[in-house]
């Protein structure tokens, strides 16, 4: 996330630098910082360098051996229209070119940036060719996040088995989060990990978490709105002027960049009156039922989803929990549901758009094990 923030803030200077070179500079800086910390702590630098070289060699060799670009016909229309061209532009040129050539003006390209970054780590090719397994890293990250939960080991094992069964028996969920160029994987993980870290550091939230949370507005549409709600809640609760200034950085940056480079202002696509997808009545109550029908198509994850809701209903101190940082993951879960229903009832009336509602409802999936573990412990 730090390189994405850096690229946005210093776009005036990085717009002429090829993305791969920027990644190499970034990795070199991380290596220097690691060496400095090793020297300071008295650890062996040589061992770390050997491990790094071995890892890089095995990584590149394995990628070349397993590389097989035969997944192009699995692309959804979103990938073909936005994510594939944007990711290719970033990887082969840079972030600035992707913003200039974006098929949806003002759409946040955090997901494409992360996918291009991952591909640049495992490949030395100059041209981008989609390789689905590169996205599998988000499956690993899901379980690494699960391991960080403060709960009994038997609970971690139980959650791991349950979610493994869900992922490997549900082709759509597997493809959506872990095996495609769609934004749910990277944006969902970054958002989930940020909320999880805020909960862990609830007594003293560091400024860098506020910055990362604010840059989540470059992610997937509904998660960006949830990020704003959480950001507003934190600013009200913590009441630090420095946090307010930090949270304004992405908005100031996107405004400056839009004026300097004549690119779409962030969220321009959504705030445009031409894209509200509403032509008739003020609201569509029938969409409420349509969303429920979409939701129950996927039985396995629906059971987990309903379990979270049931455990919340039978829990105590609901109002106190809703304003507590201790239960921020659970609050985010319900805020996201409310926003999805609100948008699809009052702003959307096209059935094709309603079919996407399920994707947005489960976009907080990375937080499901965290929420369940806290509910069970209560």
Protein backbone atom coordinates (compact mmCIF):
# COMPACT_ATOMS: atom_id res chain seq x y z
CA UNK A 1 0.00 0.00 0.00
CA UNK A 2 2.88 2.37 0.73
CA UNK A 3 4.15 2.35 -2.88
CA UNK A 4 0.63 3.11 -4.15
CA UNK A 5 0.34 6.05 -1.74
CA UNK A 6 3.80 7.27 -2.78
CA UNK A 7 2.93 7.02 -6.49
CA UNK A 8 -0.25 9.04 -6.01
CA UNK A 9 1.36 11.77 -3.92
CA UNK A 10 4.39 12.17 -6.20
CA UNK A 11 2.65 11.46 -9.52
CA UNK A 12 4.18 14.64 -10.97
CA UNK A 13 7.63 13.04 -10.60
CA UNK A 14 6.80 9.36 -11.15
CA UNK A 15 4.76 9.85 -14.34
CA UNK A 16 7.94 9.54 -16.44
CA UNK A 17 9.32 6.54 -14.55
CA UNK A 18 8.47 3.06 -15.74
CA UNK A 19 6.50 1.08 -13.16
CA UNK A 20 8.99 -1.81 -12.95
CA UNK A 21 11.85 0.60 -12.20
CA UNK A 22 9.76 2.22 -9.47
CA UNK A 23 9.14 -1.23 -7.96
CA UNK A 24 12.87 -2.02 -8.08
CA UNK A 25 13.66 1.25 -6.30
CA UNK A 26 10.98 0.54 -3.72
CA UNK A 27 12.30 -3.01 -3.08
CA UNK A 28 15.87 -1.69 -2.84
CA UNK A 29 14.79 0.83 -0.20
CA UNK A 30 13.03 -1.91 1.77
CA UNK A 31 16.20 -4.01 1.56
CA UNK A 32 18.34 -1.12 2.82
CA UNK A 33 15.94 -0.52 5.71
CA UNK A 34 16.05 -4.24 6.55
CA UNK A 35 19.86 -4.21 6.47
CA UNK A 36 19.96 -1.13 8.68
CA UNK A 37 17.64 -2.74 11.22
CA UNK A 38 19.71 -5.94 11.14
CA UNK A 39 22.90 -4.01 11.84
CA UNK A 40 21.21 -2.11 14.64
CA UNK A 41 19.88 -5.30 16.25
CA UNK A 42 23.07 -7.28 15.66
CA UNK A 43 21.48 -9.90 13.37
CA UNK A 44 23.30 -11.59 10.50
CA UNK A 45 22.92 -9.65 7.22
CA UNK A 46 24.52 -12.41 5.16
CA UNK A 47 21.86 -14.95 6.13
CA UNK A 48 19.07 -12.60 5.14
CA UNK A 49 20.67 -11.83 1.76
CA UNK A 50 21.17 -15.54 0.98
CA UNK A 51 17.53 -16.29 1.86
CA UNK A 52 16.40 -13.36 -0.29
CA UNK A 53 18.46 -14.51 -3.31
CA UNK A 54 17.26 -18.10 -2.98
CA UNK A 55 13.67 -16.95 -2.69
CA UNK A 56 13.95 -14.71 -5.77
CA UNK A 57 15.60 -17.46 -7.82
CA UNK A 58 13.08 -20.14 -6.87
CA UNK A 59 10.23 -17.70 -7.37
CA UNK A 60 11.24 -16.70 -10.91
CA UNK A 61 12.16 -20.26 -11.92
CA UNK A 62 8.87 -21.65 -10.60
CA UNK A 63 6.90 -18.94 -12.37
CA UNK A 64 8.60 -19.63 -15.70
CA UNK A 65 7.95 -23.37 -15.34
CA UNK A 66 4.29 -23.04 -14.36
CA UNK A 67 3.47 -20.08 -16.58
CA UNK A 68 0.45 -20.81 -18.75
CA UNK A 69 -1.70 -17.93 -20.06
CA UNK A 70 -4.70 -20.07 -20.93
CA UNK A 71 -7.21 -18.29 -18.72
CA UNK A 72 -8.11 -15.38 -21.01
CA UNK A 73 -11.54 -16.78 -21.90
CA UNK A 74 -12.45 -16.86 -18.18
CA UNK A 75 -12.52 -13.08 -18.01
CA UNK A 76 -15.70 -11.32 -16.93
CA UNK A 77 -16.90 -8.19 -18.74
CA UNK A 78 -15.47 -6.04 -15.90
CA UNK A 79 -12.03 -7.54 -16.43
CA UNK A 80 -12.12 -7.14 -20.19
CA UNK A 81 -13.40 -3.57 -19.97
CA UNK A 82 -11.39 -2.15 -17.05
CA UNK A 83 -9.08 -4.41 -15.07
CA UNK A 84 -7.08 -6.08 -17.83
CA UNK A 85 -6.30 -2.84 -19.75
CA UNK A 86 -5.58 -0.92 -16.52
CA UNK A 87 -3.30 -3.62 -15.07
CA UNK A 88 -1.46 -3.95 -18.40
CA UNK A 89 -0.99 -0.19 -18.61
CA UNK A 90 0.46 0.00 -15.11
CA UNK A 91 2.75 -2.99 -15.58
CA UNK A 92 4.02 -2.13 -19.06
CA UNK A 93 4.14 1.65 -18.57
CA UNK A 94 3.15 3.22 -15.26
CA UNK A 95 0.27 4.36 -13.07
CA UNK A 96 0.02 7.72 -14.83
CA UNK A 97 -0.60 6.05 -18.21
CA UNK A 98 -3.28 3.85 -16.69
CA UNK A 99 -5.08 6.91 -15.31
CA UNK A 100 -4.89 8.61 -18.70
CA UNK A 101 -6.22 5.57 -20.57
CA UNK A 102 -8.77 4.32 -18.02
CA UNK A 103 -12.02 3.21 -19.65
CA UNK A 104 -13.96 4.53 -16.63
CA UNK A 105 -12.82 8.05 -15.86
CA UNK A 106 -12.25 8.66 -12.17
CA UNK A 107 -12.46 4.99 -11.17
CA UNK A 108 -9.99 4.00 -8.40
CA UNK A 109 -7.25 1.71 -9.71
CA UNK A 110 -5.91 0.34 -6.42
CA UNK A 111 -6.79 -3.25 -7.42
CA UNK A 112 -5.06 -2.98 -10.81
CA UNK A 113 -2.01 -1.43 -9.14
CA UNK A 114 -1.69 -4.29 -6.64
CA UNK A 115 -2.09 -6.94 -9.37
CA UNK A 116 0.58 -5.23 -11.49
CA UNK A 117 2.86 -5.10 -8.45
CA UNK A 118 2.41 -8.82 -7.77
CA UNK A 119 3.11 -9.71 -11.38
CA UNK A 120 6.25 -7.54 -11.43
CA UNK A 121 7.59 -9.45 -8.40
CA UNK A 122 7.28 -12.86 -10.06
CA UNK A 123 7.99 -11.99 -13.69
CA UNK A 124 10.74 -10.23 -15.63
CA UNK A 125 8.71 -10.03 -18.87
CA UNK A 126 8.24 -6.58 -20.38
CA UNK A 127 4.67 -7.29 -21.47
CA UNK A 128 1.79 -8.20 -19.20
CA UNK A 129 -0.02 -11.48 -19.77
CA UNK A 130 -2.68 -12.52 -17.34
CA UNK A 131 -1.68 -15.41 -15.10
CA UNK A 132 -4.53 -16.31 -12.77
CA UNK A 133 -2.45 -18.07 -10.12
CA UNK A 134 -0.64 -14.84 -9.26
CA UNK A 135 -3.89 -13.76 -7.59
CA UNK A 136 -3.80 -16.88 -5.40
CA UNK A 137 -1.59 -14.93 -2.99
CA UNK A 138 -4.80 -13.44 -1.57
CA UNK A 139 -5.89 -16.92 -0.51
CA UNK A 140 -2.64 -17.20 1.46
CA UNK A 141 -3.15 -13.72 2.90
CA UNK A 142 -6.67 -14.65 4.00
CA UNK A 143 -5.34 -17.51 6.13
CA UNK A 144 -2.38 -15.47 7.41
CA UNK A 145 -4.89 -12.89 8.62
CA UNK A 146 -6.89 -15.70 10.20
CA UNK A 147 -3.79 -16.89 12.08
CA UNK A 148 -3.33 -13.43 13.62
CA UNK A 149 -6.71 -13.60 15.36
CA UNK A 150 -6.45 -13.79 19.13
CA UNK A 151 -8.38 -16.99 19.68
CA UNK A 152 -7.72 -20.60 20.62
CA UNK A 153 -5.79 -22.71 18.12
CA UNK A 154 -8.71 -25.14 17.82
CA UNK A 155 -10.87 -22.22 16.62
CA UNK A 156 -8.26 -21.25 14.05
CA UNK A 157 -8.11 -24.83 12.78
CA UNK A 158 -11.91 -24.99 12.65
CA UNK A 159 -12.21 -21.70 10.72
CA UNK A 160 -9.43 -22.77 8.35
CA UNK A 161 -11.20 -26.03 7.50
CA UNK A 162 -14.59 -24.33 7.08
CA UNK A 163 -13.33 -21.59 4.77
CA UNK A 164 -11.12 -23.96 2.80
CA UNK A 165 -14.19 -26.09 2.11
CA UNK A 166 -16.14 -22.98 1.05
CA UNK A 167 -13.41 -21.70 -1.27
CA UNK A 168 -12.66 -25.02 -2.96
CA UNK A 169 -16.29 -26.03 -3.45
CA UNK A 170 -17.44 -22.64 -4.71
CA UNK A 171 -15.94 -21.78 -8.09
CA UNK A 172 -17.45 -18.28 -8.18
CA UNK A 173 -16.10 -17.20 -4.77
CA UNK A 174 -12.73 -18.73 -5.60
CA UNK A 175 -12.59 -16.88 -8.91
CA UNK A 176 -13.95 -13.61 -7.54
CA UNK A 177 -11.46 -13.24 -4.68
CA UNK A 178 -8.45 -15.40 -5.49
CA UNK A 179 -8.24 -16.25 -9.17
CA UNK A 180 -9.08 -13.21 -11.27
CA UNK A 181 -8.21 -9.60 -12.04
CA UNK A 182 -11.36 -8.36 -10.31
CA UNK A 183 -10.95 -5.87 -7.46
CA UNK A 184 -12.59 -7.91 -4.68
CA UNK A 185 -9.37 -9.79 -3.81
CA UNK A 186 -6.83 -6.97 -3.31
CA UNK A 187 -9.29 -4.28 -2.19
CA UNK A 188 -11.11 -6.65 0.16
CA UNK A 189 -7.85 -7.78 1.76
CA UNK A 190 -6.36 -4.30 2.16
CA UNK A 191 -9.58 -2.99 3.66
CA UNK A 192 -10.02 -6.03 5.93
CA UNK A 193 -6.41 -5.97 7.14
CA UNK A 194 -6.66 -2.21 7.84
CA UNK A 195 -9.83 -2.62 9.93
CA UNK A 196 -8.28 -5.58 11.74
CA UNK A 197 -5.17 -3.53 12.63
CA UNK A 198 -7.32 -0.63 13.82
CA UNK A 199 -9.13 -3.03 16.14
CA UNK A 200 -5.82 -4.44 17.44
CA UNK A 201 -4.47 -0.92 18.10
CA UNK A 202 -7.75 0.53 19.37
CA UNK A 203 -6.14 2.11 22.43
CA UNK A 204 -3.59 4.02 20.36
CA UNK A 205 -4.27 4.05 16.62
CA UNK A 206 -1.13 5.06 14.68
CA UNK A 207 -1.34 7.80 12.06
CA UNK A 208 -0.21 5.46 9.26
CA UNK A 209 -3.39 3.37 9.71
CA UNK A 210 -5.51 6.50 9.24
CA UNK A 211 -3.57 7.27 6.05
CA UNK A 212 -4.00 3.73 4.70
CA UNK A 213 -7.70 3.73 5.57
CA UNK A 214 -8.19 7.05 3.77
CA UNK A 215 -6.47 5.71 0.63
CA UNK A 216 -8.97 2.85 0.58
CA UNK A 217 -11.21 5.29 -1.30
CA UNK A 218 -9.23 4.23 -4.39
CA UNK A 219 -10.58 0.70 -3.97
CA UNK A 220 -13.88 -0.98 -4.83
CA UNK A 221 -16.94 1.25 -4.88
CA UNK A 222 -18.90 0.09 -1.80
CA UNK A 223 -15.78 -0.45 0.31
CA UNK A 224 -14.75 3.12 -0.45
CA UNK A 225 -18.00 4.39 1.08
CA UNK A 226 -17.57 2.11 4.11
CA UNK A 227 -14.00 3.44 4.47
CA UNK A 228 -15.37 6.98 4.59
CA UNK A 229 -17.93 6.01 7.23
CA UNK A 230 -15.24 4.36 9.39
CA UNK A 231 -12.90 7.31 8.86
CA UNK A 232 -15.61 9.76 9.93
CA UNK A 233 -16.38 7.61 12.99
CA UNK A 234 -12.70 7.49 14.01
CA UNK A 235 -12.28 11.24 13.62
CA UNK A 236 -15.30 11.84 15.85
CA UNK A 237 -14.08 9.32 18.44
CA UNK A 238 -10.37 10.22 18.54
CA UNK A 239 -10.67 13.98 17.91
CA UNK A 240 -7.13 14.65 16.76
CA UNK A 241 -6.57 17.51 14.33
CA UNK A 242 -3.53 15.73 12.89
CA UNK A 243 -5.72 12.73 11.96
CA UNK A 244 -8.16 15.03 10.19
CA UNK A 245 -5.32 16.51 8.11
CA UNK A 246 -3.96 13.04 7.29
CA UNK A 247 -7.40 11.79 6.24
CA UNK A 248 -7.71 14.70 3.80
CA UNK A 249 -4.52 13.78 1.90
CA UNK A 250 -6.08 11.43 -0.73
CA UNK A 251 -8.84 13.94 -1.49
CA UNK A 252 -6.37 16.78 -1.91
CA UNK A 253 -4.09 14.59 -4.02
CA UNK A 254 -6.82 13.40 -6.37
CA UNK A 255 -8.03 17.00 -6.81
CA UNK A 256 -4.53 18.28 -7.59
CA UNK A 257 -3.77 15.38 -9.97
CA UNK A 258 -7.08 15.81 -11.80
CA UNK A 259 -6.25 19.47 -12.44
CA UNK A 260 -2.57 18.95 -13.28
CA UNK A 261 -3.01 16.02 -15.66
CA UNK A 262 -6.58 16.50 -16.87
CA UNK A 263 -7.72 13.12 -15.55
CA UNK A 264 -11.03 12.23 -13.95
CA UNK A 265 -11.59 13.23 -10.34
CA UNK A 266 -11.97 10.19 -8.08
CA UNK A 267 -15.59 8.92 -7.98
CA UNK A 268 -16.49 11.14 -10.93
CA UNK A 269 -18.17 8.15 -12.58
CA UNK A 270 -20.52 7.58 -9.63
CA UNK A 271 -21.48 11.15 -8.83
CA UNK A 272 -22.37 11.81 -12.45
CA UNK A 273 -26.16 12.06 -12.88
CA UNK A 274 -25.90 9.93 -16.02
CA UNK A 275 -24.80 6.87 -14.02
CA UNK A 276 -27.38 6.71 -11.24
CA UNK A 277 -29.29 4.03 -13.22
CA UNK A 278 -32.63 5.45 -12.01
CA UNK A 279 -35.24 6.65 -14.45
CA UNK A 280 -38.62 6.40 -12.79
CA UNK A 281 -39.80 6.32 -9.16
CA UNK A 282 -38.00 7.64 -6.09
CA UNK A 283 -37.31 4.17 -4.77
CA UNK A 284 -37.67 0.51 -5.73
CA UNK A 285 -38.87 -1.61 -2.76
CA UNK A 286 -38.96 -4.66 -5.04
CA UNK A 287 -35.16 -4.55 -5.20
CA UNK A 288 -35.06 -5.57 -1.54
CA UNK A 289 -36.49 -8.98 -2.41
CA UNK A 290 -34.32 -9.24 -5.53
CA UNK A 291 -31.17 -8.75 -3.44
CA UNK A 292 -32.28 -11.51 -1.05
CA UNK A 293 -32.83 -13.86 -3.99
CA UNK A 294 -29.32 -13.10 -5.30
CA UNK A 295 -27.91 -13.62 -1.84
CA UNK A 296 -29.39 -17.11 -1.37
CA UNK A 297 -28.00 -18.41 -4.67
CA UNK A 298 -24.72 -19.21 -2.89
CA UNK A 299 -25.67 -21.51 -0.02
CA UNK A 300 -22.29 -22.15 1.63
CA UNK A 301 -21.17 -18.57 2.30
CA UNK A 302 -24.77 -17.57 3.00
CA UNK A 303 -24.79 -19.92 6.02
CA UNK A 304 -21.68 -18.21 7.45
CA UNK A 305 -23.23 -14.83 6.70
CA UNK A 306 -26.49 -15.69 8.47
CA UNK A 307 -24.58 -17.17 11.41
CA UNK A 308 -22.86 -13.80 11.96
CA UNK A 309 -26.24 -12.05 11.93
CA UNK A 310 -27.81 -14.64 14.29
CA UNK A 311 -24.94 -14.41 16.82
CA UNK A 312 -25.26 -10.62 16.75
CA UNK A 313 -29.02 -10.77 17.41
CA UNK A 314 -28.62 -13.00 20.47
CA UNK A 315 -25.66 -11.01 21.82
CA UNK A 316 -25.91 -8.43 24.60
CA UNK A 317 -25.08 -4.69 24.63
CA UNK A 318 -25.75 -4.22 20.91
CA UNK A 319 -25.82 -0.42 21.06
CA UNK A 320 -22.63 -0.27 23.12
CA UNK A 321 -20.90 -2.61 20.64
CA UNK A 322 -21.96 -0.46 17.71
CA UNK A 323 -19.96 2.54 18.97
CA UNK A 324 -17.00 0.49 20.19
CA UNK A 325 -13.67 0.05 18.41
CA UNK A 326 -13.47 -3.39 20.02
CA UNK A 327 -16.18 -4.58 17.64
CA UNK A 328 -15.33 -2.44 14.63
CA UNK A 329 -15.15 -5.48 12.31
CA UNK A 330 -18.73 -6.42 13.15
CA UNK A 331 -19.86 -2.81 12.73
CA UNK A 332 -18.21 -2.61 9.32
CA UNK A 333 -19.99 -5.80 8.31
CA UNK A 334 -23.43 -4.29 9.04
CA UNK A 335 -22.60 -0.83 7.66
CA UNK A 336 -21.62 -2.43 4.35
CA UNK A 337 -24.93 -4.36 4.22
CA UNK A 338 -26.91 -1.20 4.93
CA UNK A 339 -25.10 0.80 2.23
CA UNK A 340 -25.61 -1.94 -0.39
CA UNK A 341 -29.35 -2.16 0.34
CA UNK A 342 -29.71 1.62 0.43
CA UNK A 343 -27.99 2.11 -2.93
CA UNK A 344 -29.86 -0.70 -4.67
CA UNK A 345 -33.25 0.40 -3.32
CA UNK A 346 -32.91 4.16 -3.84
CA UNK A 347 -30.34 4.59 -6.62
CA UNK A 348 -30.50 1.48 -8.84
CA UNK A 349 -33.42 -0.07 -10.66
CA UNK A 350 -31.80 -2.13 -13.43
CA UNK A 351 -31.94 -5.90 -12.84
CA UNK A 352 -28.47 -6.46 -14.36
CA UNK A 353 -26.96 -4.13 -11.77
CA UNK A 354 -28.89 -5.85 -8.95
CA UNK A 355 -27.22 -9.13 -9.88
CA UNK A 356 -23.92 -7.60 -8.70
CA UNK A 357 -25.31 -6.82 -5.24
CA UNK A 358 -24.14 -10.15 -3.80
CA UNK A 359 -20.54 -9.34 -4.74
CA UNK A 360 -20.70 -6.13 -2.75
CA UNK A 361 -22.43 -7.67 0.26
CA UNK A 362 -19.62 -10.23 0.72
CA UNK A 363 -16.80 -7.76 0.00
CA UNK A 364 -15.98 -7.76 3.75
CA UNK A 365 -15.34 -11.53 3.63
CA UNK A 366 -11.75 -11.18 4.92
CA UNK A 367 -13.25 -10.07 8.24
CA UNK A 368 -15.65 -13.01 8.62
CA UNK A 369 -13.29 -15.22 10.71
CA UNK A 370 -12.41 -12.25 12.93
CA UNK A 371 -16.08 -11.43 13.53
CA UNK A 372 -17.02 -15.06 14.23
CA UNK A 373 -14.13 -15.60 16.65
CA UNK A 374 -15.15 -12.56 18.71
CA UNK A 375 -18.82 -13.54 18.67
CA UNK A 376 -18.06 -17.10 19.76
CA UNK A 377 -15.76 -15.92 22.57
CA UNK A 378 -18.56 -13.67 23.83
